[in-house]
């Protein structure tokens, strides 16, 4: 059973930074693509970033390109999302997820709240 646990959320002023962590455990997780998603109040969940099992091929939501960086440390079974120059519109619950089949993320964490004040 794959388990994902996010941490690192919090309250930050606009322009500040946070680093989210996603601790992963379970079979095949080290060979799975991992993604970060977010859901703001009253909005649908949206994709933010994802990274391949080797740490390569990261890709991002256009609005976070140049501000967010996704990375992974397979020795620690952890995926990170470094978020810089945060904006109030980045406020959301952030989730990490493991891809189980191409484009399908079947395992999800419980989420961590990120709040950016203006």
Protein backbone atom coordinates (compact mmCIF):
# COMPACT_ATOMS: atom_id res chain seq x y z
CA UNK A 1 0.00 0.00 0.00
CA UNK A 2 1.43 3.36 -1.06
CA UNK A 3 1.23 6.11 1.53
CA UNK A 4 1.95 9.78 0.95
CA UNK A 5 2.29 12.35 3.73
CA UNK A 6 2.64 16.06 2.98
CA UNK A 7 4.18 18.64 5.28
CA UNK A 8 5.61 22.13 5.16
CA UNK A 9 2.51 24.21 4.58
CA UNK A 10 1.78 27.36 6.51
CA UNK A 11 1.04 31.06 6.41
CA UNK A 12 3.43 33.31 4.52
CA UNK A 13 3.35 36.84 3.17
CA UNK A 14 3.29 37.52 -0.54
CA UNK A 15 6.78 37.26 -1.97
CA UNK A 16 7.81 34.71 0.62
CA UNK A 17 8.83 31.08 0.23
CA UNK A 18 7.80 27.67 1.49
CA UNK A 19 9.08 24.18 0.83
CA UNK A 20 6.57 21.38 0.83
CA UNK A 21 7.64 17.79 1.41
CA UNK A 22 5.90 14.59 0.41
CA UNK A 23 7.14 11.51 2.25
CA UNK A 24 6.30 8.40 0.28
CA UNK A 25 6.28 4.77 1.31
CA UNK A 26 5.15 1.52 -0.20
CA UNK A 27 5.92 -0.69 -3.16
CA UNK A 28 6.89 0.85 -6.48
CA UNK A 29 6.87 4.40 -5.13
CA UNK A 30 10.52 4.93 -6.02
CA UNK A 31 9.71 4.19 -9.65
CA UNK A 32 6.52 6.23 -9.81
CA UNK A 33 6.05 9.68 -11.19
CA UNK A 34 4.97 12.03 -8.40
CA UNK A 35 2.85 15.11 -8.80
CA UNK A 36 1.73 18.08 -6.76
CA UNK A 37 -1.81 19.39 -7.08
CA UNK A 38 -3.73 22.12 -5.30
CA UNK A 39 -7.30 23.04 -4.57
CA UNK A 40 -8.39 26.51 -3.59
CA UNK A 41 -11.73 27.18 -1.86
CA UNK A 42 -14.58 26.97 -4.32
CA UNK A 43 -12.32 25.82 -7.15
CA UNK A 44 -11.49 22.54 -8.80
CA UNK A 45 -8.29 20.75 -8.03
CA UNK A 46 -5.52 21.66 -10.47
CA UNK A 47 -2.20 20.20 -11.43
CA UNK A 48 0.84 22.14 -10.24
CA UNK A 49 3.96 20.12 -11.01
CA UNK A 50 5.23 16.60 -11.54
CA UNK A 51 8.54 14.80 -11.73
CA UNK A 52 9.66 11.48 -13.14
CA UNK A 53 10.91 8.61 -11.04
CA UNK A 54 14.55 9.55 -11.68
CA UNK A 55 14.02 13.20 -10.83
CA UNK A 56 14.11 14.20 -14.45
CA UNK A 57 11.48 15.59 -16.79
CA UNK A 58 9.83 18.03 -14.37
CA UNK A 59 6.87 19.92 -15.74
CA UNK A 60 4.78 22.72 -14.32
CA UNK A 61 1.57 24.64 -14.45
CA UNK A 62 2.32 27.75 -16.51
CA UNK A 63 1.48 30.15 -13.68
CA UNK A 64 4.12 28.63 -11.38
CA UNK A 65 6.95 28.26 -13.88
CA UNK A 66 10.03 30.13 -12.70
CA UNK A 67 8.69 30.30 -9.13
CA UNK A 68 8.20 26.65 -8.11
CA UNK A 69 10.71 23.82 -8.35
CA UNK A 70 9.88 20.15 -7.92
CA UNK A 71 12.57 17.68 -6.97
CA UNK A 72 12.88 14.28 -5.38
CA UNK A 73 15.33 12.39 -3.21
CA UNK A 74 14.69 8.69 -3.71
CA UNK A 75 17.15 7.80 -0.93
CA UNK A 76 14.79 9.60 1.43
CA UNK A 77 11.64 8.63 -0.49
CA UNK A 78 10.68 12.29 -0.48
CA UNK A 79 9.49 14.70 -3.14
CA UNK A 80 9.79 18.43 -2.58
CA UNK A 81 8.06 21.48 -3.94
CA UNK A 82 10.07 24.63 -3.40
CA UNK A 83 7.78 27.61 -3.79
CA UNK A 84 9.29 31.07 -4.14
CA UNK A 85 7.76 34.48 -4.74
CA UNK A 86 4.42 33.24 -3.49
CA UNK A 87 1.28 35.10 -4.45
CA UNK A 88 -2.13 35.26 -2.77
CA UNK A 89 -3.56 33.24 -5.65
CA UNK A 90 -1.28 30.36 -4.63
CA UNK A 91 -3.39 29.92 -1.51
CA UNK A 92 -4.79 26.39 -1.53
CA UNK A 93 -4.55 22.95 -0.03
CA UNK A 94 -1.62 21.22 -1.70
CA UNK A 95 -1.63 17.49 -2.31
CA UNK A 96 1.00 15.11 -3.58
CA UNK A 97 0.01 12.09 -5.58
CA UNK A 98 1.65 9.04 -7.12
CA UNK A 99 0.95 8.08 -10.70
CA UNK A 100 -0.34 4.52 -10.99
CA UNK A 101 -1.02 4.38 -14.72
CA UNK A 102 -0.08 6.96 -17.37
CA UNK A 103 -1.78 10.26 -16.48
CA UNK A 104 -3.71 8.64 -13.65
CA UNK A 105 -2.69 9.53 -10.11
CA UNK A 106 -4.15 6.80 -7.95
CA UNK A 107 -2.59 7.48 -4.56
CA UNK A 108 -3.04 10.74 -2.68
CA UNK A 109 -1.86 12.34 0.51
CA UNK A 110 -4.06 14.16 2.98
CA UNK A 111 -2.95 17.62 1.90
CA UNK A 112 -1.23 20.58 3.52
CA UNK A 113 -2.62 24.12 3.70
CA UNK A 114 -0.71 26.99 2.12
CA UNK A 115 -1.98 30.48 2.81
CA UNK A 116 -0.38 33.54 1.23
CA UNK A 117 -1.38 36.89 2.65
CA UNK A 118 -1.23 40.09 0.62
